[in-house]
Amino acid sequence: MGLIIYVASFFIILQGNDSYLQLQTMLDYTIIRIGIWFFIYALFFHLCHGIRHLIWDVGQGFEKDDMDRNAIIELALSLVLTLIFY
């Protein structure tokens, strides 16, 4: 859903200055900002989980303690990256 809104915003910008101002007004709503935040978090979570899978591909991190620790690191790093880049 977020990707559709992202691509649609390019088409809105191409429509001209009035359309761009309407887009800016719409993006200022709190619910939209929360949705964008969750979209960015989902992208960073996907990135971190992909790195976790690369670690698994080399045969590391299959112990229960390692999996639990890596899951917490994955969630925390996704949050930190979202806060940095949002």
PDB file of N, CA and C in Angstrom:
ATOM      1  N   MET A   1       0.825  -1.192   0.000  1.00  0.00           N
ATOM      2  CA  MET A   1       0.000   0.000   0.000  1.00  0.00           C
ATOM      3  C   MET A   1       0.868   1.255   0.000  1.00  0.00           C
ATOM      4  N   GLY A   2       1.925   1.231   0.817  1.00  0.00           N
ATOM      5  CA  GLY A   2       2.806   2.389   0.893  1.00  0.00           C
ATOM      6  C   GLY A   2       3.488   2.682  -0.424  1.00  0.00           C
ATOM      7  N   LEU A   3       3.859   1.634  -1.145  1.00  0.00           N
ATOM      8  CA  LEU A   3       4.516   1.820  -2.436  1.00  0.00           C
ATOM      9  C   LEU A   3       3.564   2.442  -3.452  1.00  0.00           C
ATOM     10  N   ILE A   4       2.310   2.069  -3.394  1.00  0.00           N
ATOM     11  CA  ILE A   4       1.311   2.653  -4.293  1.00  0.00           C
ATOM     12  C   ILE A   4       1.164   4.151  -4.016  1.00  0.00           C
ATOM     13  N   ILE A   5       1.106   4.510  -2.747  1.00  0.00           N
ATOM     14  CA  ILE A   5       0.996   5.930  -2.387  1.00  0.00           C
ATOM     15  C   ILE A   5       2.257   6.677  -2.804  1.00  0.00           C
ATOM     16  N   TYR A   6       3.409   6.045  -2.644  1.00  0.00           N
ATOM     17  CA  TYR A   6       4.680   6.664  -3.031  1.00  0.00           C
ATOM     18  C   TYR A   6       4.709   6.958  -4.527  1.00  0.00           C
ATOM     19  N   VAL A   7       4.328   5.986  -5.342  1.00  0.00           N
ATOM     20  CA  VAL A   7       4.315   6.176  -6.792  1.00  0.00           C
ATOM     21  C   VAL A   7       3.239   7.183  -7.192  1.00  0.00           C
ATOM     22  N   ALA A   8       2.078   7.120  -6.555  1.00  0.00           N
ATOM     23  CA  ALA A   8       0.997   8.055  -6.869  1.00  0.00           C
ATOM     24  C   ALA A   8       1.410   9.491  -6.573  1.00  0.00           C
ATOM     25  N   SER A   9       2.247   9.683  -5.538  1.00  0.00           N
ATOM     26  CA  SER A   9       2.687  11.037  -5.217  1.00  0.00           C
ATOM     27  C   SER A   9       3.515  11.634  -6.354  1.00  0.00           C
ATOM     28  N   PHE A  10       4.261  10.808  -7.093  1.00  0.00           N
ATOM     29  CA  PHE A  10       5.007  11.320  -8.244  1.00  0.00           C
ATOM     30  C   PHE A  10       4.064  11.835  -9.332  1.00  0.00           C
ATOM     31  N   PHE A  11       2.995  11.090  -9.560  1.00  0.00           N
ATOM     32  CA  PHE A  11       2.028  11.525 -10.564  1.00  0.00           C
ATOM     33  C   PHE A  11       1.314  12.802 -10.126  1.00  0.00           C
ATOM     34  N   ILE A  12       1.051  12.920  -8.842  1.00  0.00           N
ATOM     35  CA  ILE A  12       0.417  14.142  -8.323  1.00  0.00           C
ATOM     36  C   ILE A  12       1.354  15.335  -8.513  1.00  0.00           C
ATOM     37  N   ILE A  13       2.641  15.136  -8.240  1.00  0.00           N
ATOM     38  CA  ILE A  13       3.615  16.216  -8.407  1.00  0.00           C
ATOM     39  C   ILE A  13       3.690  16.652  -9.863  1.00  0.00           C
ATOM     40  N   LEU A  14       3.570  15.699 -10.778  1.00  0.00           N
ATOM     41  CA  LEU A  14       3.624  16.031 -12.199  1.00  0.00           C
ATOM     42  C   LEU A  14       2.425  16.868 -12.650  1.00  0.00           C
ATOM     43  N   GLN A  15       1.342  16.862 -11.892  1.00  0.00           N
ATOM     44  CA  GLN A  15       0.138  17.597 -12.261  1.00  0.00           C
ATOM     45  C   GLN A  15       0.280  19.109 -12.067  1.00  0.00           C
ATOM     46  N   GLY A  16       1.289  19.528 -11.305  1.00  0.00           N
ATOM     47  CA  GLY A  16       1.494  20.966 -11.151  1.00  0.00           C
ATOM     48  C   GLY A  16       1.542  21.406  -9.706  1.00  0.00           C
ATOM     49  N   ASN A  17       1.697  22.706  -9.544  1.00  0.00           N
ATOM     50  CA  ASN A  17       1.885  23.292  -8.227  1.00  0.00           C
ATOM     51  C   ASN A  17       0.664  23.137  -7.324  1.00  0.00           C
ATOM     52  N   ASP A  18      -0.523  23.322  -7.860  1.00  0.00           N
ATOM     53  CA  ASP A  18      -1.738  23.194  -7.039  1.00  0.00           C
ATOM     54  C   ASP A  18      -1.894  21.782  -6.499  1.00  0.00           C
ATOM     55  N   SER A  19      -1.648  20.813  -7.339  1.00  0.00           N
ATOM     56  CA  SER A  19      -1.751  19.418  -6.907  1.00  0.00           C
ATOM     57  C   SER A  19      -0.699  19.101  -5.851  1.00  0.00           C
ATOM     58  N   TYR A  20       0.495  19.657  -6.041  1.00  0.00           N
ATOM     59  CA  TYR A  20       1.560  19.448  -5.064  1.00  0.00           C
ATOM     60  C   TYR A  20       1.188  20.037  -3.706  1.00  0.00           C
ATOM     61  N   LEU A  21       0.602  21.207  -3.693  1.00  0.00           N
ATOM     62  CA  LEU A  21       0.186  21.827  -2.430  1.00  0.00           C
ATOM     63  C   LEU A  21      -0.906  21.005  -1.745  1.00  0.00           C
ATOM     64  N   GLN A  22      -1.825  20.436  -2.522  1.00  0.00           N
ATOM     65  CA  GLN A  22      -2.850  19.564  -1.949  1.00  0.00           C
ATOM     66  C   GLN A  22      -2.217  18.310  -1.349  1.00  0.00           C
ATOM     67  N   LEU A  23      -1.199  17.774  -2.040  1.00  0.00           N
ATOM     68  CA  LEU A  23      -0.491  16.605  -1.516  1.00  0.00           C
ATOM     69  C   LEU A  23       0.190  16.939  -0.196  1.00  0.00           C
ATOM     70  N   GLN A  24       0.844  18.092  -0.130  1.00  0.00           N
ATOM     71  CA  GLN A  24       1.509  18.509   1.103  1.00  0.00           C
ATOM     72  C   GLN A  24       0.509  18.655   2.241  1.00  0.00           C
ATOM     73  N   THR A  25      -0.654  19.200   1.954  1.00  0.00           N
ATOM     74  CA  THR A  25      -1.698  19.343   2.970  1.00  0.00           C
ATOM     75  C   THR A  25      -2.163  17.985   3.461  1.00  0.00           C
ATOM     76  N   MET A  26      -2.338  17.052   2.541  1.00  0.00           N
ATOM     77  CA  MET A  26      -2.776  15.716   2.908  1.00  0.00           C
ATOM     78  C   MET A  26      -1.718  15.004   3.756  1.00  0.00           C
ATOM     79  N   LEU A  27      -0.449  15.187   3.433  1.00  0.00           N
ATOM     80  CA  LEU A  27       0.621  14.509   4.160  1.00  0.00           C
ATOM     81  C   LEU A  27       0.837  15.077   5.557  1.00  0.00           C
ATOM     82  N   ASP A  28       0.237  16.210   5.871  1.00  0.00           N
ATOM     83  CA  ASP A  28       0.366  16.796   7.202  1.00  0.00           C
ATOM     84  C   ASP A  28      -0.604  16.199   8.221  1.00  0.00           C
ATOM     85  N   TYR A  29      -1.578  15.408   7.772  1.00  0.00           N
ATOM     86  CA  TYR A  29      -2.501  14.769   8.707  1.00  0.00           C
ATOM     87  C   TYR A  29      -1.754  13.743   9.551  1.00  0.00           C
ATOM     88  N   THR A  30      -2.089  13.689  10.823  1.00  0.00           N
ATOM     89  CA  THR A  30      -1.401  12.807  11.757  1.00  0.00           C
ATOM     90  C   THR A  30      -1.515  11.342  11.346  1.00  0.00           C
ATOM     91  N   ILE A  31      -2.677  10.915  10.919  1.00  0.00           N
ATOM     92  CA  ILE A  31      -2.865   9.510  10.563  1.00  0.00           C
ATOM     93  C   ILE A  31      -2.003   9.134   9.349  1.00  0.00           C
ATOM     94  N   ILE A  32      -1.845  10.056   8.430  1.00  0.00           N
ATOM     95  CA  ILE A  32      -0.996   9.807   7.258  1.00  0.00           C
ATOM     96  C   ILE A  32       0.464   9.726   7.685  1.00  0.00           C
ATOM     97  N   ARG A  33       0.884  10.606   8.585  1.00  0.00           N
ATOM     98  CA  ARG A  33       2.260  10.594   9.070  1.00  0.00           C
ATOM     99  C   ARG A  33       2.567   9.300   9.815  1.00  0.00           C
ATOM    100  N   ILE A  34       1.614   8.813  10.576  1.00  0.00           N
ATOM    101  CA  ILE A  34       1.803   7.533  11.267  1.00  0.00           C
ATOM    102  C   ILE A  34       1.920   6.398  10.254  1.00  0.00           C
ATOM    103  N   GLY A  35       1.084   6.437   9.229  1.00  0.00           N
ATOM    104  CA  GLY A  35       1.158   5.418   8.182  1.00  0.00           C
ATOM    105  C   GLY A  35       2.494   5.435   7.462  1.00  0.00           C
ATOM    106  N   ILE A  36       3.012   6.620   7.171  1.00  0.00           N
ATOM    107  CA  ILE A  36       4.320   6.733   6.521  1.00  0.00           C
ATOM    108  C   ILE A  36       5.409   6.197   7.441  1.00  0.00           C
ATOM    109  N   TRP A  37       5.304   6.495   8.735  1.00  0.00           N
ATOM    110  CA  TRP A  37       6.280   5.998   9.702  1.00  0.00           C
ATOM    111  C   TRP A  37       6.293   4.472   9.707  1.00  0.00           C
ATOM    112  N   PHE A  38       5.117   3.854   9.724  1.00  0.00           N
ATOM    113  CA  PHE A  38       5.047   2.392   9.721  1.00  0.00           C
ATOM    114  C   PHE A  38       5.562   1.817   8.403  1.00  0.00           C
ATOM    115  N   PHE A  39       5.333   2.500   7.297  1.00  0.00           N
ATOM    116  CA  PHE A  39       5.849   2.045   6.012  1.00  0.00           C
ATOM    117  C   PHE A  39       7.377   2.055   6.022  1.00  0.00           C
ATOM    118  N   ILE A  40       7.969   3.121   6.546  1.00  0.00           N
ATOM    119  CA  ILE A  40       9.426   3.210   6.621  1.00  0.00           C
ATOM    120  C   ILE A  40       9.955   2.142   7.574  1.00  0.00           C
ATOM    121  N   TYR A  41       9.274   1.930   8.700  1.00  0.00           N
ATOM    122  CA  TYR A  41       9.694   0.878   9.634  1.00  0.00           C
ATOM    123  C   TYR A  41       9.654  -0.487   8.946  1.00  0.00           C
ATOM    124  N   ALA A  42       8.615  -0.752   8.180  1.00  0.00           N
ATOM    125  CA  ALA A  42       8.501  -2.036   7.490  1.00  0.00           C
ATOM    126  C   ALA A  42       9.646  -2.229   6.493  1.00  0.00           C
ATOM    127  N   LEU A  43      10.039  -1.163   5.797  1.00  0.00           N
ATOM    128  CA  LEU A  43      11.166  -1.270   4.870  1.00  0.00           C
ATOM    129  C   LEU A  43      12.462  -1.608   5.604  1.00  0.00           C
ATOM    130  N   PHE A  44      12.722  -0.940   6.729  1.00  0.00           N
ATOM    131  CA  PHE A  44      13.941  -1.222   7.483  1.00  0.00           C
ATOM    132  C   PHE A  44      13.882  -2.595   8.147  1.00  0.00           C
ATOM    133  N   PHE A  45      12.703  -3.016   8.596  1.00  0.00           N
ATOM    134  CA  PHE A  45      12.577  -4.358   9.164  1.00  0.00           C
ATOM    135  C   PHE A  45      12.891  -5.403   8.105  1.00  0.00           C
ATOM    136  N   HIS A  46      12.404  -5.191   6.904  1.00  0.00           N
ATOM    137  CA  HIS A  46      12.661  -6.112   5.798  1.00  0.00           C
ATOM    138  C   HIS A  46      14.164  -6.175   5.500  1.00  0.00           C
ATOM    139  N   LEU A  47      14.827  -5.030   5.517  1.00  0.00           N
ATOM    140  CA  LEU A  47      16.270  -4.985   5.304  1.00  0.00           C
ATOM    141  C   LEU A  47      17.007  -5.778   6.387  1.00  0.00           C
ATOM    142  N   CYS A  48      16.665  -5.529   7.642  1.00  0.00           N
ATOM    143  CA  CYS A  48      17.336  -6.215   8.754  1.00  0.00           C
ATOM    144  C   CYS A  48      17.052  -7.717   8.739  1.00  0.00           C
ATOM    145  N   HIS A  49      15.851  -8.090   8.391  1.00  0.00           N
ATOM    146  CA  HIS A  49      15.517  -9.510   8.330  1.00  0.00           C
ATOM    147  C   HIS A  49      16.261 -10.185   7.175  1.00  0.00           C
ATOM    148  N   GLY A  50      16.465  -9.474   6.082  1.00  0.00           N
ATOM    149  CA  GLY A  50      17.252 -10.014   4.976  1.00  0.00           C
ATOM    150  C   GLY A  50      18.690 -10.270   5.391  1.00  0.00           C
ATOM    151  N   ILE A  51      19.253  -9.362   6.194  1.00  0.00           N
ATOM    152  CA  ILE A  51      20.612  -9.574   6.710  1.00  0.00           C
ATOM    153  C   ILE A  51      20.644 -10.797   7.613  1.00  0.00           C
ATOM    154  N   ARG A  52      19.606 -10.963   8.416  1.00  0.00           N
ATOM    155  CA  ARG A  52      19.510 -12.142   9.283  1.00  0.00           C
ATOM    156  C   ARG A  52      19.478 -13.416   8.447  1.00  0.00           C
ATOM    157  N   HIS A  53      18.777 -13.406   7.357  1.00  0.00           N
ATOM    158  CA  HIS A  53      18.739 -14.572   6.473  1.00  0.00           C
ATOM    159  C   HIS A  53      20.095 -14.829   5.828  1.00  0.00           C
ATOM    160  N   LEU A  54      20.836 -13.786   5.512  1.00  0.00           N
ATOM    161  CA  LEU A  54      22.179 -13.979   4.977  1.00  0.00           C
ATOM    162  C   LEU A  54      23.087 -14.654   6.005  1.00  0.00           C
ATOM    163  N   ILE A  55      22.916 -14.293   7.259  1.00  0.00           N
ATOM    164  CA  ILE A  55      23.678 -14.957   8.327  1.00  0.00           C
ATOM    165  C   ILE A  55      23.287 -16.424   8.406  1.00  0.00           C
ATOM    166  N   TRP A  56      21.996 -16.713   8.279  1.00  0.00           N
ATOM    167  CA  TRP A  56      21.550 -18.106   8.290  1.00  0.00           C
ATOM    168  C   TRP A  56      22.101 -18.865   7.089  1.00  0.00           C
ATOM    169  N   ASP A  57      22.226 -18.196   5.947  1.00  0.00           N
ATOM    170  CA  ASP A  57      22.714 -18.866   4.736  1.00  0.00           C
ATOM    171  C   ASP A  57      24.138 -19.377   4.885  1.00  0.00           C
ATOM    172  N   VAL A  58      24.929 -18.744   5.754  1.00  0.00           N
ATOM    173  CA  VAL A  58      26.288 -19.228   5.973  1.00  0.00           C
ATOM    174  C   VAL A  58      26.343 -20.240   7.114  1.00  0.00           C
ATOM    175  N   GLY A  59      25.174 -20.600   7.639  1.00  0.00           N
ATOM    176  CA  GLY A  59      25.093 -21.650   8.648  1.00  0.00           C
ATOM    177  C   GLY A  59      25.269 -21.179  10.078  1.00  0.00           C
ATOM    178  N   GLN A  60      25.126 -19.913  10.335  1.00  0.00           N
ATOM    179  CA  GLN A  60      25.294 -19.354  11.684  1.00  0.00           C
ATOM    180  C   GLN A  60      23.945 -18.915  12.242  1.00  0.00           C
ATOM    181  N   GLY A  61      23.868 -18.854  13.570  1.00  0.00           N
ATOM    182  CA  GLY A  61      22.712 -18.266  14.230  1.00  0.00           C
ATOM    183  C   GLY A  61      21.498 -19.169  14.377  1.00  0.00           C
ATOM    184  N   PHE A  62      21.709 -20.490  14.381  1.00  0.00           N
ATOM    185  CA  PHE A  62      20.569 -21.395  14.504  1.00  0.00           C
ATOM    186  C   PHE A  62      20.313 -21.868  15.940  1.00  0.00           C
ATOM    187  N   GLU A  63      21.172 -21.500  16.861  1.00  0.00           N
ATOM    188  CA  GLU A  63      20.936 -21.834  18.267  1.00  0.00           C
ATOM    189  C   GLU A  63      19.795 -20.968  18.796  1.00  0.00           C
ATOM    190  N   LYS A  64      19.045 -21.519  19.737  1.00  0.00           N
ATOM    191  CA  LYS A  64      17.874 -20.795  20.259  1.00  0.00           C
ATOM    192  C   LYS A  64      18.264 -19.440  20.832  1.00  0.00           C
ATOM    193  N   ASP A  65      19.332 -19.394  21.616  1.00  0.00           N
ATOM    194  CA  ASP A  65      19.759 -18.116  22.198  1.00  0.00           C
ATOM    195  C   ASP A  65      20.166 -17.119  21.119  1.00  0.00           C
ATOM    196  N   ASP A  66      20.854 -17.599  20.091  1.00  0.00           N
ATOM    197  CA  ASP A  66      21.250 -16.720  18.981  1.00  0.00           C
ATOM    198  C   ASP A  66      20.034 -16.195  18.230  1.00  0.00           C
ATOM    199  N   MET A  67      19.059 -17.062  18.011  1.00  0.00           N
ATOM    200  CA  MET A  67      17.858 -16.641  17.285  1.00  0.00           C
ATOM    201  C   MET A  67      17.089 -15.589  18.064  1.00  0.00           C
ATOM    202  N   ASP A  68      16.957 -15.799  19.385  1.00  0.00           N
ATOM    203  CA  ASP A  68      16.249 -14.817  20.214  1.00  0.00           C
ATOM    204  C   ASP A  68      16.990 -13.483  20.238  1.00  0.00           C
ATOM    205  N   ARG A  69      18.304 -13.536  20.413  1.00  0.00           N
ATOM    206  CA  ARG A  69      19.104 -12.312  20.450  1.00  0.00           C
ATOM    207  C   ARG A  69      19.033 -11.583  19.104  1.00  0.00           C
ATOM    208  N   ASN A  70      19.153 -12.331  18.018  1.00  0.00           N
ATOM    209  CA  ASN A  70      19.106 -11.709  16.693  1.00  0.00           C
ATOM    210  C   ASN A  70      17.738 -11.107  16.389  1.00  0.00           C
ATOM    211  N   ALA A  71      16.681 -11.729  16.884  1.00  0.00           N
ATOM    212  CA  ALA A  71      15.334 -11.176  16.671  1.00  0.00           C
ATOM    213  C   ALA A  71      15.187  -9.833  17.387  1.00  0.00           C
ATOM    214  N   ILE A  72      15.702  -9.748  18.609  1.00  0.00           N
ATOM    215  CA  ILE A  72      15.627  -8.493  19.363  1.00  0.00           C
ATOM    216  C   ILE A  72      16.476  -7.423  18.691  1.00  0.00           C
ATOM    217  N   ILE A  73      17.681  -7.812  18.238  1.00  0.00           N
ATOM    218  CA  ILE A  73      18.545  -6.866  17.534  1.00  0.00           C
ATOM    219  C   ILE A  73      17.858  -6.375  16.261  1.00  0.00           C
ATOM    220  N   GLU A  74      17.222  -7.292  15.560  1.00  0.00           N
ATOM    221  CA  GLU A  74      16.524  -6.947  14.313  1.00  0.00           C
ATOM    222  C   GLU A  74      15.412  -5.926  14.557  1.00  0.00           C
ATOM    223  N   LEU A  75      14.612  -6.152  15.572  1.00  0.00           N
ATOM    224  CA  LEU A  75      13.526  -5.223  15.888  1.00  0.00           C
ATOM    225  C   LEU A  75      14.064  -3.865  16.346  1.00  0.00           C
ATOM    226  N   ALA A  76      15.071  -3.895  17.211  1.00  0.00           N
ATOM    227  CA  ALA A  76      15.635  -2.645  17.735  1.00  0.00           C
ATOM    228  C   ALA A  76      16.333  -1.853  16.636  1.00  0.00           C
ATOM    229  N   LEU A  77      17.109  -2.527  15.811  1.00  0.00           N
ATOM    230  CA  LEU A  77      17.821  -1.831  14.739  1.00  0.00           C
ATOM    231  C   LEU A  77      16.840  -1.231  13.730  1.00  0.00           C
ATOM    232  N   SER A  78      15.757  -1.946  13.457  1.00  0.00           N
ATOM    233  CA  SER A  78      14.730  -1.401  12.555  1.00  0.00           C
ATOM    234  C   SER A  78      14.130  -0.123  13.127  1.00  0.00           C
ATOM    235  N   LEU A  79      13.882  -0.120  14.416  1.00  0.00           N
ATOM    236  CA  LEU A  79      13.331   1.055  15.082  1.00  0.00           C
ATOM    237  C   LEU A  79      14.323   2.217  15.050  1.00  0.00           C
ATOM    238  N   VAL A  80      15.581   1.925  15.371  1.00  0.00           N
ATOM    239  CA  VAL A  80      16.604   2.971  15.388  1.00  0.00           C
ATOM    240  C   VAL A  80      16.781   3.576  13.989  1.00  0.00           C
ATOM    241  N   LEU A  81      16.855   2.728  12.969  1.00  0.00           N
ATOM    242  CA  LEU A  81      17.016   3.218  11.599  1.00  0.00           C
ATOM    243  C   LEU A  81      15.818   4.068  11.178  1.00  0.00           C
ATOM    244  N   THR A  82      14.630   3.654  11.586  1.00  0.00           N
ATOM    245  CA  THR A  82      13.430   4.430  11.264  1.00  0.00           C
ATOM    246  C   THR A  82      13.482   5.798  11.929  1.00  0.00           C
ATOM    247  N   LEU A  83      13.876   5.830  13.188  1.00  0.00           N
ATOM    248  CA  LEU A  83      13.953   7.117  13.895  1.00  0.00           C
ATOM    249  C   LEU A  83      15.027   8.019  13.288  1.00  0.00           C
ATOM    250  N   ILE A  84      16.126   7.438  12.837  1.00  0.00           N
ATOM    251  CA  ILE A  84      17.195   8.237  12.222  1.00  0.00           C
ATOM    252  C   ILE A  84      16.751   8.829  10.895  1.00  0.00           C
ATOM    253  N   PHE A  85      16.119   8.015  10.059  1.00  0.00           N
ATOM    254  CA  PHE A  85      15.808   8.454   8.716  1.00  0.00           C
ATOM    255  C   PHE A  85      14.435   9.084   8.557  1.00  0.00           C
ATOM    256  N   TYR A  86      13.573   9.000   9.556  1.00  0.00           N
ATOM    257  CA  TYR A  86      12.258   9.628   9.445  1.00  0.00           C
ATOM    258  C   TYR A  86      12.397  11.089   9.819  1.00  0.00           C
TER     259      TYR A  86
END
